[in-house]
């Protein structure tokens, strides 16, 4: 006997519920998470220019629990996959719609094209603005949350303060942010960062000498760009900020420039109550400890325990 009408619909819904499937598609996958800053590199090597597991799913619809999609904004020479190997799958597993772009890349063949954040902050921020617009259109969300690392914080901040992003961003999790401009000799700072990536000094000097990384100088203390960006204050009053920084950050100098106080700001110094956290500029964006702080910043109504555990430099 055939079951018709309402009975048929109820039967289908019951079967789907038993199978753990919704009418809109398969149940969300559980993605492996590795708390290591370099966890995304294998994905870039096997799928150049691709997306990390759980990220950039353009049919993802935000839930009532997590109504704002999360956009990940990488640092200098980073990319959508190489910077966020820990965060993209973690956030997807937590039920967020999560997106990541590679901004500011040069028009060169891969693998150099995987290194973003080399063009001017202004150009990179325009790319971020267009990407956020696409995310909001695809998801139907009114606002997004940003999680940024290093230069990505200034790219995100320029979008918020100068390109109309203030009404489009709710929460901003800032990891190792050079809010006041990092100090020191320009070339020494750039060489130190490049050394972390295994790039030799001669290559760095040649690249900067022909202007291949204008953003590298823009984020330095005293640069006209940073002075103008902070002329109306460091933070946008309509956005809620959470800052994470570490004593061992070799590129945010002094590290306190990443922990500027403000009425709409919560600061986390990674060594507070946890002296075995040795995270540096890279490790802070891959550590379990940092990731739990970020999750709590996105969803403060449901706080997670923040572990104090040994965090090695570089990897996290």
C-alpha atoms as a PDB file:
ATOM      1  CA  UNK A   1       0.000   0.000   0.000  1.00  0.00           C
ATOM      2  CA  UNK A   2       1.379   3.441  -0.940  1.00  0.00           C
ATOM      3  CA  UNK A   3       1.559   6.117   1.758  1.00  0.00           C
ATOM      4  CA  UNK A   4       0.332   9.479   0.468  1.00  0.00           C
ATOM      5  CA  UNK A   5       0.259  13.137   1.513  1.00  0.00           C
ATOM      6  CA  UNK A   6       1.209  14.088   5.060  1.00  0.00           C
ATOM      7  CA  UNK A   7       1.945  10.511   6.079  1.00  0.00           C
ATOM      8  CA  UNK A   8       4.482  10.219   3.277  1.00  0.00           C
ATOM      9  CA  UNK A   9       6.261  13.430   4.365  1.00  0.00           C
ATOM     10  CA  UNK A  10       6.396  12.300   7.977  1.00  0.00           C
ATOM     11  CA  UNK A  11       7.837   8.968   6.946  1.00  0.00           C
ATOM     12  CA  UNK A  12      10.587  10.631   4.895  1.00  0.00           C
ATOM     13  CA  UNK A  13      11.496  13.016   7.737  1.00  0.00           C
ATOM     14  CA  UNK A  14      11.594  10.148  10.221  1.00  0.00           C
ATOM     15  CA  UNK A  15      13.935   8.113   8.025  1.00  0.00           C
ATOM     16  CA  UNK A  16      16.182  11.125   7.472  1.00  0.00           C
ATOM     17  CA  UNK A  17      16.315  11.810  11.204  1.00  0.00           C
ATOM     18  CA  UNK A  18      17.300   8.209  11.888  1.00  0.00           C
ATOM     19  CA  UNK A  19      20.100   8.466   9.340  1.00  0.00           C
ATOM     20  CA  UNK A  20      21.338  11.719  10.920  1.00  0.00           C
ATOM     21  CA  UNK A  21      20.607  13.676   7.763  1.00  0.00           C
ATOM     22  CA  UNK A  22      18.640  16.863   7.277  1.00  0.00           C
ATOM     23  CA  UNK A  23      16.469  17.717   4.297  1.00  0.00           C
ATOM     24  CA  UNK A  24      19.073  20.255   3.118  1.00  0.00           C
ATOM     25  CA  UNK A  25      21.911  17.734   2.807  1.00  0.00           C
ATOM     26  CA  UNK A  26      24.307  15.398   4.578  1.00  0.00           C
ATOM     27  CA  UNK A  27      25.199  15.825   8.229  1.00  0.00           C
ATOM     28  CA  UNK A  28      28.218  17.999   8.905  1.00  0.00           C
ATOM     29  CA  UNK A  29      31.478  16.098   8.709  1.00  0.00           C
ATOM     30  CA  UNK A  30      33.913  15.988  11.606  1.00  0.00           C
ATOM     31  CA  UNK A  31      37.258  17.280  10.386  1.00  0.00           C
ATOM     32  CA  UNK A  32      40.626  16.345  11.894  1.00  0.00           C
ATOM     33  CA  UNK A  33      42.207  19.188  13.857  1.00  0.00           C
ATOM     34  CA  UNK A  34      45.946  19.537  14.415  1.00  0.00           C
ATOM     35  CA  UNK A  35      47.067  22.335  16.727  1.00  0.00           C
ATOM     36  CA  UNK A  36      50.146  23.210  14.722  1.00  0.00           C
ATOM     37  CA  UNK A  37      50.747  26.434  12.829  1.00  0.00           C
ATOM     38  CA  UNK A  38      52.027  24.469   9.831  1.00  0.00           C
ATOM     39  CA  UNK A  39      49.072  22.053   9.678  1.00  0.00           C
ATOM     40  CA  UNK A  40      47.671  23.706   6.560  1.00  0.00           C
ATOM     41  CA  UNK A  41      50.795  23.430   4.415  1.00  0.00           C
ATOM     42  CA  UNK A  42      50.194  19.804   3.285  1.00  0.00           C
ATOM     43  CA  UNK A  43      46.793  20.871   1.961  1.00  0.00           C
ATOM     44  CA  UNK A  44      48.364  23.675  -0.091  1.00  0.00           C
ATOM     45  CA  UNK A  45      50.957  21.268  -1.460  1.00  0.00           C
ATOM     46  CA  UNK A  46      48.346  18.747  -2.583  1.00  0.00           C
ATOM     47  CA  UNK A  47      45.677  21.270  -3.637  1.00  0.00           C
ATOM     48  CA  UNK A  48      47.378  24.536  -4.657  1.00  0.00           C
ATOM     49  CA  UNK A  49      45.087  27.501  -4.175  1.00  0.00           C
ATOM     50  CA  UNK A  50      42.396  25.314  -2.650  1.00  0.00           C
ATOM     51  CA  UNK A  51      40.476  25.479   0.615  1.00  0.00           C
ATOM     52  CA  UNK A  52      41.063  23.769   3.931  1.00  0.00           C
ATOM     53  CA  UNK A  53      38.598  21.076   5.035  1.00  0.00           C
ATOM     54  CA  UNK A  54      35.439  22.705   6.363  1.00  0.00           C
ATOM     55  CA  UNK A  55      36.172  26.146   4.899  1.00  0.00           C
ATOM     56  CA  UNK A  56      34.672  28.064   1.985  1.00  0.00           C
ATOM     57  CA  UNK A  57      31.541  25.940   1.779  1.00  0.00           C
ATOM     58  CA  UNK A  58      29.385  28.444  -0.057  1.00  0.00           C
ATOM     59  CA  UNK A  59      26.133  26.592   0.645  1.00  0.00           C
ATOM     60  CA  UNK A  60      26.721  26.782   4.410  1.00  0.00           C
ATOM     61  CA  UNK A  61      23.895  28.470   6.304  1.00  0.00           C
ATOM     62  CA  UNK A  62      24.583  29.985   9.731  1.00  0.00           C
ATOM     63  CA  UNK A  63      22.689  28.547  12.675  1.00  0.00           C
ATOM     64  CA  UNK A  64      20.901  30.341  15.485  1.00  0.00           C
ATOM     65  CA  UNK A  65      23.772  29.292  17.771  1.00  0.00           C
ATOM     66  CA  UNK A  66      26.402  30.791  15.427  1.00  0.00           C
ATOM     67  CA  UNK A  67      24.661  33.375  13.243  1.00  0.00           C
ATOM     68  CA  UNK A  68      27.799  35.196  12.084  1.00  0.00           C
ATOM     69  CA  UNK A  69      30.144  33.501   9.604  1.00  0.00           C
ATOM     70  CA  UNK A  70      33.827  33.638  10.538  1.00  0.00           C
ATOM     71  CA  UNK A  71      36.343  35.068   8.066  1.00  0.00           C
ATOM     72  CA  UNK A  72      40.016  34.193   8.593  1.00  0.00           C
ATOM     73  CA  UNK A  73      42.541  36.866   7.599  1.00  0.00           C
ATOM     74  CA  UNK A  74      46.130  35.600   7.294  1.00  0.00           C
ATOM     75  CA  UNK A  75      49.429  37.348   7.950  1.00  0.00           C
ATOM     76  CA  UNK A  76      52.359  38.425   5.794  1.00  0.00           C
ATOM     77  CA  UNK A  77      53.362  35.704   3.306  1.00  0.00           C
ATOM     78  CA  UNK A  78      50.506  33.547   4.583  1.00  0.00           C
ATOM     79  CA  UNK A  79      47.493  32.226   2.740  1.00  0.00           C
ATOM     80  CA  UNK A  80      44.026  30.742   3.079  1.00  0.00           C
ATOM     81  CA  UNK A  81      45.435  27.272   3.682  1.00  0.00           C
ATOM     82  CA  UNK A  82      48.943  27.825   5.014  1.00  0.00           C
ATOM     83  CA  UNK A  83      47.936  30.129   7.903  1.00  0.00           C
ATOM     84  CA  UNK A  84      44.795  28.415   9.178  1.00  0.00           C
ATOM     85  CA  UNK A  85      45.405  24.664   9.341  1.00  0.00           C
ATOM     86  CA  UNK A  86      44.254  24.568  12.971  1.00  0.00           C
ATOM     87  CA  UNK A  87      41.429  27.089  12.873  1.00  0.00           C
ATOM     88  CA  UNK A  88      39.407  26.222   9.765  1.00  0.00           C
ATOM     89  CA  UNK A  89      38.551  22.613  10.693  1.00  0.00           C
ATOM     90  CA  UNK A  90      38.114  23.512  14.365  1.00  0.00           C
ATOM     91  CA  UNK A  91      35.567  26.219  13.610  1.00  0.00           C
ATOM     92  CA  UNK A  92      33.722  24.025  11.124  1.00  0.00           C
ATOM     93  CA  UNK A  93      33.474  21.266  13.728  1.00  0.00           C
ATOM     94  CA  UNK A  94      32.053  23.830  16.150  1.00  0.00           C
ATOM     95  CA  UNK A  95      29.236  24.600  13.726  1.00  0.00           C
ATOM     96  CA  UNK A  96      30.482  27.860  12.243  1.00  0.00           C
ATOM     97  CA  UNK A  97      30.370  28.775   8.577  1.00  0.00           C
ATOM     98  CA  UNK A  98      34.048  29.545   8.084  1.00  0.00           C
ATOM     99  CA  UNK A  99      35.773  31.246   5.171  1.00  0.00           C
ATOM    100  CA  UNK A 100      39.360  32.114   4.287  1.00  0.00           C
ATOM    101  CA  UNK A 101      40.951  34.008   1.425  1.00  0.00           C
ATOM    102  CA  UNK A 102      44.466  34.657   0.180  1.00  0.00           C
ATOM    103  CA  UNK A 103      44.784  38.414  -0.261  1.00  0.00           C
ATOM    104  CA  UNK A 104      47.603  40.599  -1.527  1.00  0.00           C
ATOM    105  CA  UNK A 105      49.353  37.874  -3.537  1.00  0.00           C
ATOM    106  CA  UNK A 106      51.601  38.777  -6.447  1.00  0.00           C
ATOM    107  CA  UNK A 107      50.720  37.768  -9.992  1.00  0.00           C
ATOM    108  CA  UNK A 108      53.303  35.000 -10.116  1.00  0.00           C
ATOM    109  CA  UNK A 109      53.203  31.207 -10.551  1.00  0.00           C
ATOM    110  CA  UNK A 110      52.612  28.844  -7.655  1.00  0.00           C
ATOM    111  CA  UNK A 111      54.100  28.303  -5.075  1.00  0.00           C
ATOM    112  CA  UNK A 112      54.933  32.037  -4.806  1.00  0.00           C
ATOM    113  CA  UNK A 113      51.291  32.832  -5.510  1.00  0.00           C
ATOM    114  CA  UNK A 114      50.404  31.096  -2.239  1.00  0.00           C
ATOM    115  CA  UNK A 115      52.249  33.829  -0.334  1.00  0.00           C
ATOM    116  CA  UNK A 116      49.748  36.624   0.300  1.00  0.00           C
ATOM    117  CA  UNK A 117      49.961  39.892   2.169  1.00  0.00           C
ATOM    118  CA  UNK A 118      52.621  41.402  -0.068  1.00  0.00           C
ATOM    119  CA  UNK A 119      50.658  44.183  -1.766  1.00  0.00           C
ATOM    120  CA  UNK A 120      49.657  47.406  -0.029  1.00  0.00           C
ATOM    121  CA  UNK A 121      47.286  47.227   2.914  1.00  0.00           C
ATOM    122  CA  UNK A 122      44.833  49.359   0.937  1.00  0.00           C
ATOM    123  CA  UNK A 123      44.735  46.871  -1.961  1.00  0.00           C
ATOM    124  CA  UNK A 124      44.519  43.869   0.357  1.00  0.00           C
ATOM    125  CA  UNK A 125      41.715  45.433   2.390  1.00  0.00           C
ATOM    126  CA  UNK A 126      39.719  46.028  -0.774  1.00  0.00           C
ATOM    127  CA  UNK A 127      40.049  42.311  -1.548  1.00  0.00           C
ATOM    128  CA  UNK A 128      38.880  41.485   1.969  1.00  0.00           C
ATOM    129  CA  UNK A 129      35.900  43.825   1.591  1.00  0.00           C
ATOM    130  CA  UNK A 130      34.853  42.076  -1.627  1.00  0.00           C
ATOM    131  CA  UNK A 131      35.289  38.664   0.011  1.00  0.00           C
ATOM    132  CA  UNK A 132      33.180  39.635   3.042  1.00  0.00           C
ATOM    133  CA  UNK A 133      30.484  40.911   0.690  1.00  0.00           C
ATOM    134  CA  UNK A 134      30.471  37.527  -1.044  1.00  0.00           C
ATOM    135  CA  UNK A 135      30.283  35.689   2.293  1.00  0.00           C
ATOM    136  CA  UNK A 136      27.370  37.819   3.486  1.00  0.00           C
ATOM    137  CA  UNK A 137      25.531  37.368   0.184  1.00  0.00           C
ATOM    138  CA  UNK A 138      25.998  33.585   0.162  1.00  0.00           C
ATOM    139  CA  UNK A 139      25.046  33.070   3.805  1.00  0.00           C
ATOM    140  CA  UNK A 140      22.439  35.787   4.204  1.00  0.00           C
ATOM    141  CA  UNK A 141      24.256  37.003   7.317  1.00  0.00           C
ATOM    142  CA  UNK A 142      24.128  40.658   8.324  1.00  0.00           C
ATOM    143  CA  UNK A 143      27.602  40.590   9.887  1.00  0.00           C
ATOM    144  CA  UNK A 144      30.705  38.438  10.041  1.00  0.00           C
ATOM    145  CA  UNK A 145      33.308  37.851  12.732  1.00  0.00           C
ATOM    146  CA  UNK A 146      36.988  38.211  11.874  1.00  0.00           C
ATOM    147  CA  UNK A 147      39.919  36.186  13.172  1.00  0.00           C
ATOM    148  CA  UNK A 148      43.180  37.701  11.979  1.00  0.00           C
ATOM    149  CA  UNK A 149      46.876  37.064  12.424  1.00  0.00           C
ATOM    150  CA  UNK A 150      49.720  39.586  12.236  1.00  0.00           C
ATOM    151  CA  UNK A 151      49.352  41.879   9.187  1.00  0.00           C
ATOM    152  CA  UNK A 152      45.844  40.459   8.716  1.00  0.00           C
ATOM    153  CA  UNK A 153      44.738  42.514  11.698  1.00  0.00           C
ATOM    154  CA  UNK A 154      45.704  45.756   9.980  1.00  0.00           C
ATOM    155  CA  UNK A 155      44.080  44.599   6.729  1.00  0.00           C
ATOM    156  CA  UNK A 156      40.920  43.823   8.699  1.00  0.00           C
ATOM    157  CA  UNK A 157      41.127  47.088  10.619  1.00  0.00           C
ATOM    158  CA  UNK A 158      41.476  49.176   7.455  1.00  0.00           C
ATOM    159  CA  UNK A 159      38.390  47.400   6.083  1.00  0.00           C
ATOM    160  CA  UNK A 160      36.493  48.136   9.305  1.00  0.00           C
ATOM    161  CA  UNK A 161      37.567  51.765   9.696  1.00  0.00           C
ATOM    162  CA  UNK A 162      38.027  52.986   6.139  1.00  0.00           C
ATOM    163  CA  UNK A 163      36.048  50.745   3.757  1.00  0.00           C
ATOM    164  CA  UNK A 164      32.670  50.555   5.469  1.00  0.00           C
ATOM    165  CA  UNK A 165      33.288  47.356   7.398  1.00  0.00           C
ATOM    166  CA  UNK A 166      32.210  48.792  10.742  1.00  0.00           C
ATOM    167  CA  UNK A 167      28.582  47.803  10.176  1.00  0.00           C
ATOM    168  CA  UNK A 168      29.579  44.429   8.742  1.00  0.00           C
ATOM    169  CA  UNK A 169      31.830  43.103  11.537  1.00  0.00           C
ATOM    170  CA  UNK A 170      30.649  42.128  15.010  1.00  0.00           C
ATOM    171  CA  UNK A 171      33.628  40.461  16.737  1.00  0.00           C
ATOM    172  CA  UNK A 172      37.299  40.817  15.855  1.00  0.00           C
ATOM    173  CA  UNK A 173      39.766  38.272  17.298  1.00  0.00           C
ATOM    174  CA  UNK A 174      43.214  39.788  16.825  1.00  0.00           C
ATOM    175  CA  UNK A 175      46.172  37.408  17.084  1.00  0.00           C
ATOM    176  CA  UNK A 176      49.569  39.154  17.312  1.00  0.00           C
ATOM    177  CA  UNK A 177      48.250  42.480  16.046  1.00  0.00           C
ATOM    178  CA  UNK A 178      50.703  45.314  15.311  1.00  0.00           C
ATOM    179  CA  UNK A 179      48.097  47.898  16.314  1.00  0.00           C
ATOM    180  CA  UNK A 180      50.580  50.725  16.861  1.00  0.00           C
ATOM    181  CA  UNK A 181      53.032  49.613  14.209  1.00  0.00           C
ATOM    182  CA  UNK A 182      55.868  47.280  15.066  1.00  0.00           C
ATOM    183  CA  UNK A 183      59.121  49.028  15.954  1.00  0.00           C
ATOM    184  CA  UNK A 184      62.751  48.626  14.991  1.00  0.00           C
ATOM    185  CA  UNK A 185      64.778  48.819  11.819  1.00  0.00           C
ATOM    186  CA  UNK A 186      62.629  48.109   8.776  1.00  0.00           C
ATOM    187  CA  UNK A 187      64.901  45.569   7.158  1.00  0.00           C
ATOM    188  CA  UNK A 188      65.699  43.821  10.431  1.00  0.00           C
ATOM    189  CA  UNK A 189      61.993  43.251  11.017  1.00  0.00           C
ATOM    190  CA  UNK A 190      61.379  41.982   7.503  1.00  0.00           C
ATOM    191  CA  UNK A 191      64.433  39.714   7.561  1.00  0.00           C
ATOM    192  CA  UNK A 192      63.379  38.227  10.888  1.00  0.00           C
ATOM    193  CA  UNK A 193      59.962  37.309   9.538  1.00  0.00           C
ATOM    194  CA  UNK A 194      61.396  35.880   6.315  1.00  0.00           C
ATOM    195  CA  UNK A 195      63.868  33.775   8.293  1.00  0.00           C
ATOM    196  CA  UNK A 196      60.926  32.057   9.995  1.00  0.00           C
ATOM    197  CA  UNK A 197      59.822  30.968   6.518  1.00  0.00           C
ATOM    198  CA  UNK A 198      63.288  29.779   5.502  1.00  0.00           C
ATOM    199  CA  UNK A 199      63.922  32.666   3.092  1.00  0.00           C
ATOM    200  CA  UNK A 200      67.566  33.816   2.996  1.00  0.00           C
ATOM    201  CA  UNK A 201      68.663  37.403   3.598  1.00  0.00           C
ATOM    202  CA  UNK A 202      69.833  38.042   0.031  1.00  0.00           C
ATOM    203  CA  UNK A 203      66.430  37.087  -1.363  1.00  0.00           C
ATOM    204  CA  UNK A 204      64.655  39.338   1.132  1.00  0.00           C
ATOM    205  CA  UNK A 205      66.905  42.315   0.364  1.00  0.00           C
ATOM    206  CA  UNK A 206      66.378  41.858  -3.365  1.00  0.00           C
ATOM    207  CA  UNK A 207      62.599  41.534  -2.996  1.00  0.00           C
ATOM    208  CA  UNK A 208      62.166  44.588  -0.807  1.00  0.00           C
ATOM    209  CA  UNK A 209      64.611  46.527  -2.933  1.00  0.00           C
ATOM    210  CA  UNK A 210      62.276  46.239  -5.919  1.00  0.00           C
ATOM    211  CA  UNK A 211      59.170  46.909  -3.857  1.00  0.00           C
ATOM    212  CA  UNK A 212      57.714  43.397  -3.699  1.00  0.00           C
ATOM    213  CA  UNK A 213      56.300  43.891  -0.186  1.00  0.00           C
ATOM    214  CA  UNK A 214      55.027  47.419   0.387  1.00  0.00           C
ATOM    215  CA  UNK A 215      52.810  46.124   3.197  1.00  0.00           C
ATOM    216  CA  UNK A 216      55.931  45.135   5.134  1.00  0.00           C
ATOM    217  CA  UNK A 217      56.868  48.759   5.667  1.00  0.00           C
ATOM    218  CA  UNK A 218      53.306  50.027   6.146  1.00  0.00           C
ATOM    219  CA  UNK A 219      52.881  48.077   9.390  1.00  0.00           C
ATOM    220  CA  UNK A 220      55.984  49.548  11.008  1.00  0.00           C
ATOM    221  CA  UNK A 221      55.820  52.074  13.831  1.00  0.00           C
ATOM    222  CA  UNK A 222      55.904  55.666  12.617  1.00  0.00           C
ATOM    223  CA  UNK A 223      54.970  54.796   9.043  1.00  0.00           C
ATOM    224  CA  UNK A 224      52.575  57.389   7.571  1.00  0.00           C
ATOM    225  CA  UNK A 225      50.045  54.653   6.838  1.00  0.00           C
ATOM    226  CA  UNK A 226      49.865  53.511  10.472  1.00  0.00           C
ATOM    227  CA  UNK A 227      49.824  57.087  11.733  1.00  0.00           C
ATOM    228  CA  UNK A 228      46.833  57.905   9.534  1.00  0.00           C
ATOM    229  CA  UNK A 229      44.976  54.693  10.397  1.00  0.00           C
ATOM    230  CA  UNK A 230      45.239  55.414  14.133  1.00  0.00           C
ATOM    231  CA  UNK A 231      44.535  59.153  13.880  1.00  0.00           C
ATOM    232  CA  UNK A 232      40.949  58.566  15.085  1.00  0.00           C
ATOM    233  CA  UNK A 233      41.926  55.972  17.695  1.00  0.00           C
ATOM    234  CA  UNK A 234      43.069  52.400  17.406  1.00  0.00           C
ATOM    235  CA  UNK A 235      39.681  50.688  17.602  1.00  0.00           C
ATOM    236  CA  UNK A 236      36.299  51.085  15.973  1.00  0.00           C
ATOM    237  CA  UNK A 237      33.655  51.609  18.692  1.00  0.00           C
ATOM    238  CA  UNK A 238      31.078  49.422  16.924  1.00  0.00           C
ATOM    239  CA  UNK A 239      33.280  46.292  16.955  1.00  0.00           C
ATOM    240  CA  UNK A 240      34.165  44.031  19.906  1.00  0.00           C
ATOM    241  CA  UNK A 241      37.874  43.146  19.958  1.00  0.00           C
ATOM    242  CA  UNK A 242      39.786  40.329  21.627  1.00  0.00           C
ATOM    243  CA  UNK A 243      43.587  40.597  21.490  1.00  0.00           C
ATOM    244  CA  UNK A 244      46.055  37.726  21.952  1.00  0.00           C
ATOM    245  CA  UNK A 245      49.781  38.312  22.213  1.00  0.00           C
ATOM    246  CA  UNK A 246      52.849  36.721  23.716  1.00  0.00           C
ATOM    247  CA  UNK A 247      56.058  37.826  25.409  1.00  0.00           C
ATOM    248  CA  UNK A 248      58.017  35.819  22.843  1.00  0.00           C
ATOM    249  CA  UNK A 249      56.597  37.541  19.760  1.00  0.00           C
ATOM    250  CA  UNK A 250      59.687  38.465  17.775  1.00  0.00           C
ATOM    251  CA  UNK A 251      57.810  40.518  15.169  1.00  0.00           C
ATOM    252  CA  UNK A 252      55.325  42.499  17.269  1.00  0.00           C
ATOM    253  CA  UNK A 253      57.872  44.644  19.089  1.00  0.00           C
ATOM    254  CA  UNK A 254      57.244  45.470  21.836  1.00  0.00           C
ATOM    255  CA  UNK A 255      54.551  42.824  22.256  1.00  0.00           C
ATOM    256  CA  UNK A 256      52.436  45.297  24.233  1.00  0.00           C
ATOM    257  CA  UNK A 257      51.446  47.037  20.975  1.00  0.00           C
ATOM    258  CA  UNK A 258      49.225  44.021  20.390  1.00  0.00           C
ATOM    259  CA  UNK A 259      47.481  44.542  23.734  1.00  0.00           C
ATOM    260  CA  UNK A 260      46.336  48.150  23.504  1.00  0.00           C
ATOM    261  CA  UNK A 261      43.506  48.679  26.042  1.00  0.00           C
ATOM    262  CA  UNK A 262      40.105  50.054  25.132  1.00  0.00           C
ATOM    263  CA  UNK A 263      36.482  50.054  26.332  1.00  0.00           C
ATOM    264  CA  UNK A 264      35.442  47.451  23.767  1.00  0.00           C
ATOM    265  CA  UNK A 265      38.587  45.329  24.100  1.00  0.00           C
ATOM    266  CA  UNK A 266      39.613  42.207  26.036  1.00  0.00           C
ATOM    267  CA  UNK A 267      43.350  41.497  26.168  1.00  0.00           C
ATOM    268  CA  UNK A 268      44.953  38.093  26.675  1.00  0.00           C
ATOM    269  CA  UNK A 269      48.642  37.899  27.485  1.00  0.00           C
ATOM    270  CA  UNK A 270      49.506  34.266  26.765  1.00  0.00           C
ATOM    271  CA  UNK A 271      51.939  33.945  29.703  1.00  0.00           C
ATOM    272  CA  UNK A 272      49.410  35.203  32.256  1.00  0.00           C
ATOM    273  CA  UNK A 273      49.003  32.254  34.618  1.00  0.00           C
ATOM    274  CA  UNK A 274      50.778  29.959  32.157  1.00  0.00           C
ATOM    275  CA  UNK A 275      54.566  30.377  32.135  1.00  0.00           C
ATOM    276  CA  UNK A 276      55.016  27.246  29.993  1.00  0.00           C
ATOM    277  CA  UNK A 277      53.402  28.961  27.004  1.00  0.00           C
ATOM    278  CA  UNK A 278      56.386  29.768  24.779  1.00  0.00           C
ATOM    279  CA  UNK A 279      54.363  30.655  21.711  1.00  0.00           C
ATOM    280  CA  UNK A 280      56.059  33.082  19.352  1.00  0.00           C
ATOM    281  CA  UNK A 281      54.678  34.993  16.373  1.00  0.00           C
ATOM    282  CA  UNK A 282      53.795  31.848  14.436  1.00  0.00           C
ATOM    283  CA  UNK A 283      52.945  29.409  17.219  1.00  0.00           C
ATOM    284  CA  UNK A 284      50.340  31.712  18.746  1.00  0.00           C
ATOM    285  CA  UNK A 285      48.179  31.149  15.643  1.00  0.00           C
ATOM    286  CA  UNK A 286      48.403  27.376  15.950  1.00  0.00           C
ATOM    287  CA  UNK A 287      48.222  26.609  19.666  1.00  0.00           C
ATOM    288  CA  UNK A 288      45.364  24.834  21.417  1.00  0.00           C
ATOM    289  CA  UNK A 289      45.443  27.453  24.154  1.00  0.00           C
ATOM    290  CA  UNK A 290      45.071  30.344  21.734  1.00  0.00           C
ATOM    291  CA  UNK A 291      42.316  28.590  19.806  1.00  0.00           C
ATOM    292  CA  UNK A 292      40.222  28.104  22.942  1.00  0.00           C
ATOM    293  CA  UNK A 293      40.541  31.796  23.761  1.00  0.00           C
ATOM    294  CA  UNK A 294      39.374  32.567  20.231  1.00  0.00           C
ATOM    295  CA  UNK A 295      36.362  30.235  20.551  1.00  0.00           C
ATOM    296  CA  UNK A 296      35.370  31.927  23.804  1.00  0.00           C
ATOM    297  CA  UNK A 297      35.663  35.333  22.166  1.00  0.00           C
ATOM    298  CA  UNK A 298      33.281  34.256  19.419  1.00  0.00           C
ATOM    299  CA  UNK A 299      30.799  32.673  21.821  1.00  0.00           C
ATOM    300  CA  UNK A 300      31.253  34.184  25.300  1.00  0.00           C
ATOM    301  CA  UNK A 301      27.905  32.787  26.475  1.00  0.00           C
ATOM    302  CA  UNK A 302      29.328  29.251  26.301  1.00  0.00           C
ATOM    303  CA  UNK A 303      32.903  29.471  27.585  1.00  0.00           C
ATOM    304  CA  UNK A 304      35.352  26.600  27.127  1.00  0.00           C
ATOM    305  CA  UNK A 305      38.182  25.791  29.527  1.00  0.00           C
ATOM    306  CA  UNK A 306      41.416  27.419  28.379  1.00  0.00           C
ATOM    307  CA  UNK A 307      44.231  24.947  28.984  1.00  0.00           C
ATOM    308  CA  UNK A 308      47.601  25.857  30.369  1.00  0.00           C
ATOM    309  CA  UNK A 309      49.968  23.487  28.646  1.00  0.00           C
ATOM    310  CA  UNK A 310      53.445  23.560  27.162  1.00  0.00           C
ATOM    311  CA  UNK A 311      53.356  25.512  23.902  1.00  0.00           C
ATOM    312  CA  UNK A 312      56.553  25.247  21.845  1.00  0.00           C
ATOM    313  CA  UNK A 313      57.690  28.089  19.590  1.00  0.00           C
ATOM    314  CA  UNK A 314      57.122  27.995  15.820  1.00  0.00           C
ATOM    315  CA  UNK A 315      54.576  25.172  15.704  1.00  0.00           C
ATOM    316  CA  UNK A 316      52.318  25.854  18.674  1.00  0.00           C
END
